Every structure is written in structure tokens, then in C-alpha cells.
């Protein structure tokens, strides 16, 4: 079900993040080709954030 929103009636961030999480969990594996330009590691966490760039864009 799509989220209903407008400038007058925005959705809370937690609702949007939950909807995106559910959508990503339903997708199959996606292989991506690009260049890693930045890696952010947070001490004490097993999660790393990558900044990717399309080599041709």
C-alpha cells in the first residue's frame, strides 16, 4: 500500500523508514558495479557505510 503524503500532511520519518525497510527486504539480491569513494566505520558497530559512485556518470 503506497504511503499517502503531501506538504500539508507529511508522514513521520519512522513510517517512511519502515516502509523502505519492508520494500528492501522483499527484493532479491541486487549486484551493483561502482567505485567506492568513502567508507565510514563506527567504533563498536558491525555496520559500515559506503559512498558509491557510478564510474560512467
PDB file of N, CA and C in Angstrom:
ATOM      1  N   UNK A   1       0.839  -1.181   0.000  1.00  0.00           N
ATOM      2  CA  UNK A   1       0.000   0.000   0.000  1.00  0.00           C
ATOM      3  C   UNK A   1       0.883   1.243   0.000  1.00  0.00           C
ATOM      4  N   UNK A   2       0.730   2.136  -0.968  1.00  0.00           N
ATOM      5  CA  UNK A   2       1.559   3.342  -1.022  1.00  0.00           C
ATOM      6  C   UNK A   2       1.247   4.278   0.147  1.00  0.00           C
ATOM      7  N   UNK A   3       2.263   5.001   0.558  1.00  0.00           N
ATOM      8  CA  UNK A   3       2.080   5.982   1.624  1.00  0.00           C
ATOM      9  C   UNK A   3       1.410   7.223   1.062  1.00  0.00           C
ATOM     10  N   UNK A   4       0.434   7.718   1.774  1.00  0.00           N
ATOM     11  CA  UNK A   4      -0.237   8.956   1.393  1.00  0.00           C
ATOM     12  C   UNK A   4       0.477  10.100   2.107  1.00  0.00           C
ATOM     13  N   UNK A   5       0.918  11.098   1.368  1.00  0.00           N
ATOM     14  CA  UNK A   5       1.559  12.255   1.989  1.00  0.00           C
ATOM     15  C   UNK A   5       1.409  13.476   1.092  1.00  0.00           C
ATOM     16  N   UNK A   6       1.564  14.632   1.704  1.00  0.00           N
ATOM     17  CA  UNK A   6       1.516  15.899   0.988  1.00  0.00           C
ATOM     18  C   UNK A   6       2.250  16.913   1.852  1.00  0.00           C
ATOM     19  N   UNK A   7       2.533  18.102   1.320  1.00  0.00           N
ATOM     20  CA  UNK A   7       3.173  19.123   2.157  1.00  0.00           C
ATOM     21  C   UNK A   7       2.354  19.454   3.408  1.00  0.00           C
ATOM     22  N   UNK A   8       1.045  19.341   3.297  1.00  0.00           N
ATOM     23  CA  UNK A   8       0.176  19.649   4.434  1.00  0.00           C
ATOM     24  C   UNK A   8       0.049  18.473   5.403  1.00  0.00           C
ATOM     25  N   UNK A   9       0.316  17.267   4.933  1.00  0.00           N
ATOM     26  CA  UNK A   9       0.154  16.066   5.754  1.00  0.00           C
ATOM     27  C   UNK A   9       1.317  15.106   5.513  1.00  0.00           C
ATOM     28  N   UNK A  10       2.520  15.478   5.967  1.00  0.00           N
ATOM     29  CA  UNK A  10       3.684  14.609   5.746  1.00  0.00           C
ATOM     30  C   UNK A  10       3.636  13.371   6.640  1.00  0.00           C
ATOM     31  N   UNK A  11       4.358  12.342   6.233  1.00  0.00           N
ATOM     32  CA  UNK A  11       4.471  11.117   7.024  1.00  0.00           C
ATOM     33  C   UNK A  11       5.625  11.263   8.016  1.00  0.00           C
ATOM     34  N   UNK A  12       5.496  10.698   9.216  1.00  0.00           N
ATOM     35  CA  UNK A  12       6.630  10.693  10.146  1.00  0.00           C
ATOM     36  C   UNK A  12       7.790   9.877   9.557  1.00  0.00           C
ATOM     37  N   UNK A  13       8.995  10.278   9.860  1.00  0.00           N
ATOM     38  CA  UNK A  13      10.178   9.599   9.339  1.00  0.00           C
ATOM     39  C   UNK A  13      10.143   8.115   9.650  1.00  0.00           C
ATOM     40  N   UNK A  14       9.724   7.722  10.859  1.00  0.00           N
ATOM     41  CA  UNK A  14       9.700   6.312  11.241  1.00  0.00           C
ATOM     42  C   UNK A  14       8.798   5.491  10.326  1.00  0.00           C
ATOM     43  N   UNK A  15       7.712   6.099   9.833  1.00  0.00           N
ATOM     44  CA  UNK A  15       6.803   5.403   8.928  1.00  0.00           C
ATOM     45  C   UNK A  15       7.470   5.197   7.569  1.00  0.00           C
ATOM     46  N   UNK A  16       8.125   6.233   7.066  1.00  0.00           N
ATOM     47  CA  UNK A  16       8.803   6.139   5.770  1.00  0.00           C
ATOM     48  C   UNK A  16       9.941   5.129   5.837  1.00  0.00           C
ATOM     49  N   UNK A  17      10.748   5.178   6.890  1.00  0.00           N
ATOM     50  CA  UNK A  17      11.860   4.241   7.041  1.00  0.00           C
ATOM     51  C   UNK A  17      11.330   2.807   7.136  1.00  0.00           C
ATOM     52  N   UNK A  18      10.250   2.600   7.871  1.00  0.00           N
ATOM     53  CA  UNK A  18       9.656   1.265   7.972  1.00  0.00           C
ATOM     54  C   UNK A  18       9.175   0.753   6.626  1.00  0.00           C
ATOM     55  N   UNK A  19       8.562   1.622   5.837  1.00  0.00           N
ATOM     56  CA  UNK A  19       8.091   1.226   4.508  1.00  0.00           C
ATOM     57  C   UNK A  19       9.259   0.885   3.589  1.00  0.00           C
ATOM     58  N   UNK A  20      10.320   1.681   3.639  1.00  0.00           N
ATOM     59  CA  UNK A  20      11.506   1.398   2.819  1.00  0.00           C
ATOM     60  C   UNK A  20      12.166   0.090   3.246  1.00  0.00           C
ATOM     61  N   UNK A  21      12.263  -0.132   4.541  1.00  0.00           N
ATOM     62  CA  UNK A  21      12.858  -1.376   5.062  1.00  0.00           C
ATOM     63  C   UNK A  21      12.071  -2.585   4.562  1.00  0.00           C
ATOM     64  N   UNK A  22      10.742  -2.514   4.636  1.00  0.00           N
ATOM     65  CA  UNK A  22       9.909  -3.617   4.177  1.00  0.00           C
ATOM     66  C   UNK A  22      10.100  -3.855   2.680  1.00  0.00           C
ATOM     67  N   UNK A  23      10.198  -2.775   1.892  1.00  0.00           N
ATOM     68  CA  UNK A  23      10.391  -2.913   0.451  1.00  0.00           C
ATOM     69  C   UNK A  23      11.737  -3.567   0.142  1.00  0.00           C
ATOM     70  N   UNK A  24      12.803  -3.114   0.799  1.00  0.00           N
ATOM     71  CA  UNK A  24      14.137  -3.676   0.563  1.00  0.00           C
ATOM     72  C   UNK A  24      14.172  -5.148   0.944  1.00  0.00           C
ATOM     73  N   UNK A  25      13.527  -5.517   2.036  1.00  0.00           N
ATOM     74  CA  UNK A  25      13.524  -6.915   2.470  1.00  0.00           C
ATOM     75  C   UNK A  25      12.792  -7.826   1.490  1.00  0.00           C
ATOM     76  N   UNK A  26      11.891  -7.297   0.667  1.00  0.00           N
ATOM     77  CA  UNK A  26      11.165  -8.103  -0.321  1.00  0.00           C
ATOM     78  C   UNK A  26      11.934  -8.281  -1.620  1.00  0.00           C
ATOM     79  N   UNK A  27      12.974  -7.494  -1.849  1.00  0.00           N
ATOM     80  CA  UNK A  27      13.710  -7.597  -3.109  1.00  0.00           C
ATOM     81  C   UNK A  27      14.688  -8.765  -3.066  1.00  0.00           C
ATOM     82  N   UNK A  28      15.033  -9.245  -4.238  1.00  0.00           N
ATOM     83  CA  UNK A  28      16.079 -10.262  -4.353  1.00  0.00           C
ATOM     84  C   UNK A  28      17.434  -9.578  -4.256  1.00  0.00           C
ATOM     85  N   UNK A  29      18.482 -10.381  -4.220  1.00  0.00           N
ATOM     86  CA  UNK A  29      19.834  -9.830  -4.204  1.00  0.00           C
ATOM     87  C   UNK A  29      20.051  -8.976  -5.453  1.00  0.00           C
ATOM     88  N   UNK A  30      20.706  -7.845  -5.283  1.00  0.00           N
ATOM     89  CA  UNK A  30      20.997  -6.947  -6.397  1.00  0.00           C
ATOM     90  C   UNK A  30      22.505  -6.731  -6.435  1.00  0.00           C
ATOM     91  N   UNK A  31      23.110  -7.045  -7.556  1.00  0.00           N
ATOM     92  CA  UNK A  31      24.544  -6.834  -7.732  1.00  0.00           C
ATOM     93  C   UNK A  31      24.749  -5.438  -8.306  1.00  0.00           C
ATOM     94  N   UNK A  32      25.698  -4.699  -7.741  1.00  0.00           N
ATOM     95  CA  UNK A  32      25.946  -3.320  -8.132  1.00  0.00           C
ATOM     96  C   UNK A  32      27.409  -3.163  -8.519  1.00  0.00           C
ATOM     97  N   UNK A  33      27.656  -2.453  -9.619  1.00  0.00           N
ATOM     98  CA  UNK A  33      29.018  -2.139 -10.018  1.00  0.00           C
ATOM     99  C   UNK A  33      29.224  -0.642  -9.867  1.00  0.00           C
ATOM    100  N   UNK A  34      30.262  -0.275  -9.177  1.00  0.00           N
ATOM    101  CA  UNK A  34      30.565   1.135  -8.972  1.00  0.00           C
ATOM    102  C   UNK A  34      31.912   1.283  -8.290  1.00  0.00           C
ATOM    103  N   UNK A  35      32.250   2.482  -7.973  1.00  0.00           N
ATOM    104  CA  UNK A  35      33.525   2.791  -7.322  1.00  0.00           C
ATOM    105  C   UNK A  35      33.231   3.235  -5.887  1.00  0.00           C
ATOM    106  N   UNK A  36      33.923   2.603  -4.930  1.00  0.00           N
ATOM    107  CA  UNK A  36      33.792   3.026  -3.536  1.00  0.00           C
ATOM    108  C   UNK A  36      34.665   4.257  -3.356  1.00  0.00           C
ATOM    109  N   UNK A  37      34.037   5.364  -2.937  1.00  0.00           N
ATOM    110  CA  UNK A  37      34.811   6.588  -2.755  1.00  0.00           C
ATOM    111  C   UNK A  37      34.968   6.959  -1.288  1.00  0.00           C
ATOM    112  N   UNK A  38      34.173   6.319  -0.416  1.00  0.00           N
ATOM    113  CA  UNK A  38      34.309   6.607   1.010  1.00  0.00           C
ATOM    114  C   UNK A  38      33.730   5.441   1.817  1.00  0.00           C
ATOM    115  N   UNK A  39      34.415   5.083   2.906  1.00  0.00           N
ATOM    116  CA  UNK A  39      33.929   4.079   3.848  1.00  0.00           C
ATOM    117  C   UNK A  39      33.878   4.735   5.221  1.00  0.00           C
ATOM    118  N   UNK A  40      32.718   4.638   5.879  1.00  0.00           N
ATOM    119  CA  UNK A  40      32.580   5.168   7.232  1.00  0.00           C
ATOM    120  C   UNK A  40      32.378   3.999   8.177  1.00  0.00           C
ATOM    121  N   UNK A  41      33.268   3.856   9.129  1.00  0.00           N
ATOM    122  CA  UNK A  41      33.161   2.813  10.140  1.00  0.00           C
ATOM    123  C   UNK A  41      32.864   3.467  11.473  1.00  0.00           C
ATOM    124  N   UNK A  42      31.944   2.882  12.208  1.00  0.00           N
ATOM    125  CA  UNK A  42      31.615   3.401  13.531  1.00  0.00           C
ATOM    126  C   UNK A  42      32.163   2.450  14.573  1.00  0.00           C
ATOM    127  N   UNK A  43      32.961   2.970  15.472  1.00  0.00           N
ATOM    128  CA  UNK A  43      33.570   2.152  16.517  1.00  0.00           C
ATOM    129  C   UNK A  43      32.481   1.455  17.331  1.00  0.00           C
ATOM    130  N   UNK A  44      32.662   0.161  17.551  1.00  0.00           N
ATOM    131  CA  UNK A  44      31.727  -0.606  18.352  1.00  0.00           C
ATOM    132  C   UNK A  44      30.523  -1.127  17.591  1.00  0.00           C
ATOM    133  N   UNK A  45      30.417  -0.840  16.295  1.00  0.00           N
ATOM    134  CA  UNK A  45      29.290  -1.296  15.499  1.00  0.00           C
ATOM    135  C   UNK A  45      29.793  -2.189  14.367  1.00  0.00           C
ATOM    136  N   UNK A  46      28.979  -3.147  13.979  1.00  0.00           N
ATOM    137  CA  UNK A  46      29.334  -4.038  12.865  1.00  0.00           C
ATOM    138  C   UNK A  46      28.852  -3.485  11.530  1.00  0.00           C
ATOM    139  N   UNK A  47      28.256  -2.287  11.537  1.00  0.00           N
ATOM    140  CA  UNK A  47      27.711  -1.689  10.322  1.00  0.00           C
ATOM    141  C   UNK A  47      28.719  -0.701   9.749  1.00  0.00           C
ATOM    142  N   UNK A  48      28.925  -0.778   8.441  1.00  0.00           N
ATOM    143  CA  UNK A  48      29.790   0.164   7.742  1.00  0.00           C
ATOM    144  C   UNK A  48      28.955   0.834   6.648  1.00  0.00           C
ATOM    145  N   UNK A  49      29.230   2.102   6.399  1.00  0.00           N
ATOM    146  CA  UNK A  49      28.513   2.846   5.376  1.00  0.00           C
ATOM    147  C   UNK A  49      29.464   3.130   4.222  1.00  0.00           C
ATOM    148  N   UNK A  50      29.000   2.841   3.011  1.00  0.00           N
ATOM    149  CA  UNK A  50      29.796   3.070   1.809  1.00  0.00           C
ATOM    150  C   UNK A  50      29.177   4.194   0.992  1.00  0.00           C
ATOM    151  N   UNK A  51      30.023   5.045   0.439  1.00  0.00           N
ATOM    152  CA  UNK A  51      29.576   6.017  -0.553  1.00  0.00           C
ATOM    153  C   UNK A  51      30.062   5.493  -1.896  1.00  0.00           C
ATOM    154  N   UNK A  52      29.122   5.273  -2.805  1.00  0.00           N
ATOM    155  CA  UNK A  52      29.451   4.692  -4.106  1.00  0.00           C
ATOM    156  C   UNK A  52      29.264   5.728  -5.209  1.00  0.00           C
ATOM    157  N   UNK A  53      30.021   5.544  -6.277  1.00  0.00           N
ATOM    158  CA  UNK A  53      29.909   6.424  -7.450  1.00  0.00           C
ATOM    159  C   UNK A  53      29.854   5.549  -8.689  1.00  0.00           C
ATOM    160  N   UNK A  54      28.984   5.929  -9.592  1.00  0.00           N
ATOM    161  CA  UNK A  54      28.911   5.256 -10.887  1.00  0.00           C
ATOM    162  C   UNK A  54      30.110   5.726 -11.701  1.00  0.00           C
ATOM    163  N   UNK A  55      30.891   4.778 -12.203  1.00  0.00           N
ATOM    164  CA  UNK A  55      32.114   5.146 -12.917  1.00  0.00           C
ATOM    165  C   UNK A  55      31.858   5.930 -14.196  1.00  0.00           C
ATOM    166  N   UNK A  56      30.678   5.792 -14.781  1.00  0.00           N
ATOM    167  CA  UNK A  56      30.391   6.460 -16.051  1.00  0.00           C
ATOM    168  C   UNK A  56      29.522   7.710 -15.899  1.00  0.00           C
ATOM    169  N   UNK A  57      28.997   7.944 -14.726  1.00  0.00           N
ATOM    170  CA  UNK A  57      28.105   9.100 -14.549  1.00  0.00           C
ATOM    171  C   UNK A  57      28.872  10.323 -14.100  1.00  0.00           C
TER     172      UNK A  57
END
